[in-house]
Amino acid sequence: METVYTAEALATGSGRNGRARTTDGRIDLGLAVPQEMGGSGDGTNPEQLFAAGYAACFHSALQMVARQEKLALGDSSVGARVGIGGNGAGGFGLEVVLEVVVPDLDRATAQSLADKAHEVCPYSNATRGNIDVRVDVVED
């Protein structure tokens, strides 16, 4: 792989109850364990950050595929839900549901684009075979 960009971040404090910041200072925020996991929930958490990154990356991949096929996406969006839970082996695992909304295209065309985006998206390629990722085309 020929690297064209590298992001850098540092986590300090008590991990999930600490602080995360990027070296350029654009992100600098407090972290907290979600209430559902026994924490205070008064900060963001790694799953939220992963969901935001995956949604943005997948939306860019969807737009790229649409441009290649000369299709207009209109007011499209991608939502990501990232779940965390025990993996049955003493550790934890993740699962992802991507919800793709393309109101200006029929469902079959939108699903075809979403499937192609799932093949080129760097997050999809990084997670493939490691965690369950479901791509759903949904109504607006």
C-alpha atoms as a PDB file:
ATOM      1  CA  MET A   1       0.000   0.000   0.000  1.00  0.00           C
ATOM      2  CA  GLU A   2       1.223   3.471  -0.819  1.00  0.00           C
ATOM      3  CA  THR A   3       0.188   5.645   2.136  1.00  0.00           C
ATOM      4  CA  VAL A   4      -1.193   9.049   1.114  1.00  0.00           C
ATOM      5  CA  TYR A   5      -2.299  10.266   4.557  1.00  0.00           C
ATOM      6  CA  THR A   6      -1.722   9.246   8.163  1.00  0.00           C
ATOM      7  CA  ALA A   7      -3.915  10.333  11.074  1.00  0.00           C
ATOM      8  CA  GLU A   8      -2.411  10.360  14.539  1.00  0.00           C
ATOM      9  CA  ALA A   9      -4.192  10.323  17.885  1.00  0.00           C
ATOM     10  CA  LEU A  10      -3.213   9.796  21.502  1.00  0.00           C
ATOM     11  CA  ALA A  11      -5.352   8.387  24.302  1.00  0.00           C
ATOM     12  CA  THR A  12      -4.420   9.272  27.871  1.00  0.00           C
ATOM     13  CA  GLY A  13      -5.881   8.803  31.334  1.00  0.00           C
ATOM     14  CA  SER A  14      -7.752   5.606  32.128  1.00  0.00           C
ATOM     15  CA  GLY A  15      -8.454   4.440  28.566  1.00  0.00           C
ATOM     16  CA  ARG A  16     -12.227   4.563  28.196  1.00  0.00           C
ATOM     17  CA  ASN A  17     -12.368   7.114  31.031  1.00  0.00           C
ATOM     18  CA  GLY A  18      -9.666   9.367  29.732  1.00  0.00           C
ATOM     19  CA  ARG A  19      -9.006  11.784  26.949  1.00  0.00           C
ATOM     20  CA  ALA A  20      -8.362  11.417  23.209  1.00  0.00           C
ATOM     21  CA  ARG A  21      -6.803  13.987  20.955  1.00  0.00           C
ATOM     22  CA  THR A  22      -5.316  14.137  17.514  1.00  0.00           C
ATOM     23  CA  THR A  23      -1.804  15.466  17.080  1.00  0.00           C
ATOM     24  CA  ASP A  24      -3.148  18.392  15.039  1.00  0.00           C
ATOM     25  CA  GLY A  25      -5.590  19.321  17.847  1.00  0.00           C
ATOM     26  CA  ARG A  26      -8.716  19.108  15.686  1.00  0.00           C
ATOM     27  CA  ILE A  27     -10.135  16.451  18.003  1.00  0.00           C
ATOM     28  CA  ASP A  28      -9.651  16.836  21.730  1.00  0.00           C
ATOM     29  CA  LEU A  29     -12.331  15.270  23.865  1.00  0.00           C
ATOM     30  CA  GLY A  30     -13.116  13.489  27.068  1.00  0.00           C
ATOM     31  CA  LEU A  31     -13.939   9.793  27.018  1.00  0.00           C
ATOM     32  CA  ALA A  32     -16.348   7.928  29.274  1.00  0.00           C
ATOM     33  CA  VAL A  33     -17.661   4.407  29.536  1.00  0.00           C
ATOM     34  CA  PRO A  34     -21.310   4.283  28.355  1.00  0.00           C
ATOM     35  CA  GLN A  35     -23.953   3.893  31.061  1.00  0.00           C
ATOM     36  CA  GLU A  36     -24.971   0.592  29.443  1.00  0.00           C
ATOM     37  CA  MET A  37     -21.503  -0.713  30.306  1.00  0.00           C
ATOM     38  CA  GLY A  38     -21.534   0.596  33.880  1.00  0.00           C
ATOM     39  CA  GLY A  39     -19.966   3.987  33.270  1.00  0.00           C
ATOM     40  CA  SER A  40     -21.047   7.589  33.661  1.00  0.00           C
ATOM     41  CA  GLY A  41     -21.758   8.124  29.975  1.00  0.00           C
ATOM     42  CA  ASP A  42     -20.685  11.756  30.291  1.00  0.00           C
ATOM     43  CA  GLY A  43     -18.178  11.659  27.429  1.00  0.00           C
ATOM     44  CA  THR A  44     -17.824  10.075  24.046  1.00  0.00           C
ATOM     45  CA  ASN A  45     -16.552   6.535  23.562  1.00  0.00           C
ATOM     46  CA  PRO A  46     -14.528   4.607  20.980  1.00  0.00           C
ATOM     47  CA  GLU A  47     -17.643   3.027  19.438  1.00  0.00           C
ATOM     48  CA  GLN A  48     -19.138   6.455  18.723  1.00  0.00           C
ATOM     49  CA  LEU A  49     -15.906   7.594  17.114  1.00  0.00           C
ATOM     50  CA  PHE A  50     -15.725   4.409  15.037  1.00  0.00           C
ATOM     51  CA  ALA A  51     -19.375   4.820  13.965  1.00  0.00           C
ATOM     52  CA  ALA A  52     -18.777   8.416  12.856  1.00  0.00           C
ATOM     53  CA  GLY A  53     -15.623   7.509  10.931  1.00  0.00           C
ATOM     54  CA  TYR A  54     -17.168   4.470   9.250  1.00  0.00           C
ATOM     55  CA  ALA A  55     -20.333   6.392   8.241  1.00  0.00           C
ATOM     56  CA  ALA A  56     -18.306   9.235   6.703  1.00  0.00           C
ATOM     57  CA  CYS A  57     -15.883   6.915   4.919  1.00  0.00           C
ATOM     58  CA  PHE A  58     -18.650   4.684   3.557  1.00  0.00           C
ATOM     59  CA  HIS A  59     -20.613   7.724   2.331  1.00  0.00           C
ATOM     60  CA  SER A  60     -17.527   8.897   0.426  1.00  0.00           C
ATOM     61  CA  ALA A  61     -17.122   5.440  -1.105  1.00  0.00           C
ATOM     62  CA  LEU A  62     -20.806   5.452  -2.096  1.00  0.00           C
ATOM     63  CA  GLN A  63     -20.389   8.852  -3.767  1.00  0.00           C
ATOM     64  CA  MET A  64     -17.292   7.669  -5.632  1.00  0.00           C
ATOM     65  CA  VAL A  65     -19.066   4.574  -6.960  1.00  0.00           C
ATOM     66  CA  ALA A  66     -22.075   6.673  -8.009  1.00  0.00           C
ATOM     67  CA  ARG A  67     -19.810   9.102  -9.891  1.00  0.00           C
ATOM     68  CA  GLN A  68     -18.157   6.186 -11.695  1.00  0.00           C
ATOM     69  CA  GLU A  69     -21.584   4.948 -12.776  1.00  0.00           C
ATOM     70  CA  LYS A  70     -22.707   8.483 -13.645  1.00  0.00           C
ATOM     71  CA  LEU A  71     -25.562   8.401 -11.134  1.00  0.00           C
ATOM     72  CA  ALA A  72     -26.653  11.276  -8.906  1.00  0.00           C
ATOM     73  CA  LEU A  73     -27.186  10.392  -5.256  1.00  0.00           C
ATOM     74  CA  GLY A  74     -29.137  13.514  -4.380  1.00  0.00           C
ATOM     75  CA  ASP A  75     -29.607  13.975  -0.639  1.00  0.00           C
ATOM     76  CA  SER A  76     -28.052  10.665   0.394  1.00  0.00           C
ATOM     77  CA  SER A  77     -26.775   9.737   3.834  1.00  0.00           C
ATOM     78  CA  VAL A  78     -25.126   6.866   5.663  1.00  0.00           C
ATOM     79  CA  GLY A  79     -25.697   6.053   9.314  1.00  0.00           C
ATOM     80  CA  ALA A  80     -23.586   3.596  11.277  1.00  0.00           C
ATOM     81  CA  ARG A  81     -24.532   1.670  14.406  1.00  0.00           C
ATOM     82  CA  VAL A  82     -21.605   0.040  16.195  1.00  0.00           C
ATOM     83  CA  GLY A  83     -22.388  -2.527  18.864  1.00  0.00           C
ATOM     84  CA  ILE A  84     -19.966  -3.973  21.400  1.00  0.00           C
ATOM     85  CA  GLY A  85     -20.349  -7.105  23.477  1.00  0.00           C
ATOM     86  CA  GLY A  86     -18.633 -10.161  24.819  1.00  0.00           C
ATOM     87  CA  ASN A  87     -17.213 -12.509  22.195  1.00  0.00           C
ATOM     88  CA  GLY A  88     -17.633 -15.705  24.206  1.00  0.00           C
ATOM     89  CA  ALA A  89     -13.878 -16.161  24.557  1.00  0.00           C
ATOM     90  CA  GLY A  90     -13.252 -13.716  27.403  1.00  0.00           C
ATOM     91  CA  GLY A  91     -12.800 -10.687  25.173  1.00  0.00           C
ATOM     92  CA  PHE A  92     -15.027  -8.263  23.328  1.00  0.00           C
ATOM     93  CA  GLY A  93     -16.194  -7.941  19.750  1.00  0.00           C
ATOM     94  CA  LEU A  94     -17.897  -5.384  17.547  1.00  0.00           C
ATOM     95  CA  GLU A  95     -20.726  -5.472  15.037  1.00  0.00           C
ATOM     96  CA  VAL A  96     -21.758  -2.791  12.562  1.00  0.00           C
ATOM     97  CA  VAL A  97     -24.971  -1.943  10.747  1.00  0.00           C
ATOM     98  CA  LEU A  98     -24.671   0.642   7.971  1.00  0.00           C
ATOM     99  CA  GLU A  99     -27.938   2.297   6.952  1.00  0.00           C
ATOM    100  CA  VAL A 100     -27.761   3.800   3.480  1.00  0.00           C
ATOM    101  CA  VAL A 101     -30.414   6.308   2.381  1.00  0.00           C
ATOM    102  CA  VAL A 102     -30.587   7.294  -1.304  1.00  0.00           C
ATOM    103  CA  PRO A 103     -34.040   8.839  -1.820  1.00  0.00           C
ATOM    104  CA  ASP A 104     -33.495   9.710  -5.496  1.00  0.00           C
ATOM    105  CA  LEU A 105     -32.778   6.135  -6.652  1.00  0.00           C
ATOM    106  CA  ASP A 106     -34.837   2.960  -6.660  1.00  0.00           C
ATOM    107  CA  ARG A 107     -33.988   0.426  -3.967  1.00  0.00           C
ATOM    108  CA  ALA A 108     -32.275  -2.083  -6.309  1.00  0.00           C
ATOM    109  CA  THR A 109     -29.962   0.555  -7.781  1.00  0.00           C
ATOM    110  CA  ALA A 110     -29.181   1.982  -4.356  1.00  0.00           C
ATOM    111  CA  GLN A 111     -28.401  -1.511  -3.013  1.00  0.00           C
ATOM    112  CA  SER A 112     -26.119  -2.217  -5.977  1.00  0.00           C
ATOM    113  CA  LEU A 113     -24.191   1.007  -5.290  1.00  0.00           C
ATOM    114  CA  ALA A 114     -24.020   0.215  -1.568  1.00  0.00           C
ATOM    115  CA  ASP A 115     -22.668  -3.277  -2.301  1.00  0.00           C
ATOM    116  CA  LYS A 116     -19.989  -1.798  -4.571  1.00  0.00           C
ATOM    117  CA  ALA A 117     -19.125   0.855  -1.961  1.00  0.00           C
ATOM    118  CA  HIS A 118     -18.703  -1.951   0.587  1.00  0.00           C
ATOM    119  CA  GLU A 119     -16.023  -3.460  -1.677  1.00  0.00           C
ATOM    120  CA  VAL A 120     -13.963  -0.244  -1.935  1.00  0.00           C
ATOM    121  CA  CYS A 121     -14.476   1.484   1.442  1.00  0.00           C
ATOM    122  CA  PRO A 122     -11.263   1.287   3.521  1.00  0.00           C
ATOM    123  CA  TYR A 123     -13.248   0.672   6.728  1.00  0.00           C
ATOM    124  CA  SER A 124     -15.141  -2.174   5.060  1.00  0.00           C
ATOM    125  CA  ASN A 125     -11.891  -3.664   3.801  1.00  0.00           C
ATOM    126  CA  ALA A 126     -10.311  -3.368   7.258  1.00  0.00           C
ATOM    127  CA  THR A 127     -13.231  -5.042   9.028  1.00  0.00           C
ATOM    128  CA  ARG A 128     -14.053  -7.716   6.439  1.00  0.00           C
ATOM    129  CA  GLY A 129     -13.720 -11.144   7.999  1.00  0.00           C
ATOM    130  CA  ASN A 130     -13.113  -9.642  11.443  1.00  0.00           C
ATOM    131  CA  ILE A 131     -16.529  -8.351  12.495  1.00  0.00           C
ATOM    132  CA  ASP A 132     -20.081  -8.662  11.255  1.00  0.00           C
ATOM    133  CA  VAL A 133     -21.010  -5.727   9.004  1.00  0.00           C
ATOM    134  CA  ARG A 134     -24.485  -5.464   7.513  1.00  0.00           C
ATOM    135  CA  VAL A 135     -25.288  -2.914   4.797  1.00  0.00           C
ATOM    136  CA  ASP A 136     -28.982  -1.984   4.631  1.00  0.00           C
ATOM    137  CA  VAL A 137     -30.590   0.369   2.132  1.00  0.00           C
ATOM    138  CA  VAL A 138     -33.431   2.026   4.020  1.00  0.00           C
ATOM    139  CA  GLU A 139     -36.196   4.518   3.292  1.00  0.00           C
ATOM    140  CA  ASP A 140     -35.626   8.145   4.251  1.00  0.00           C
END
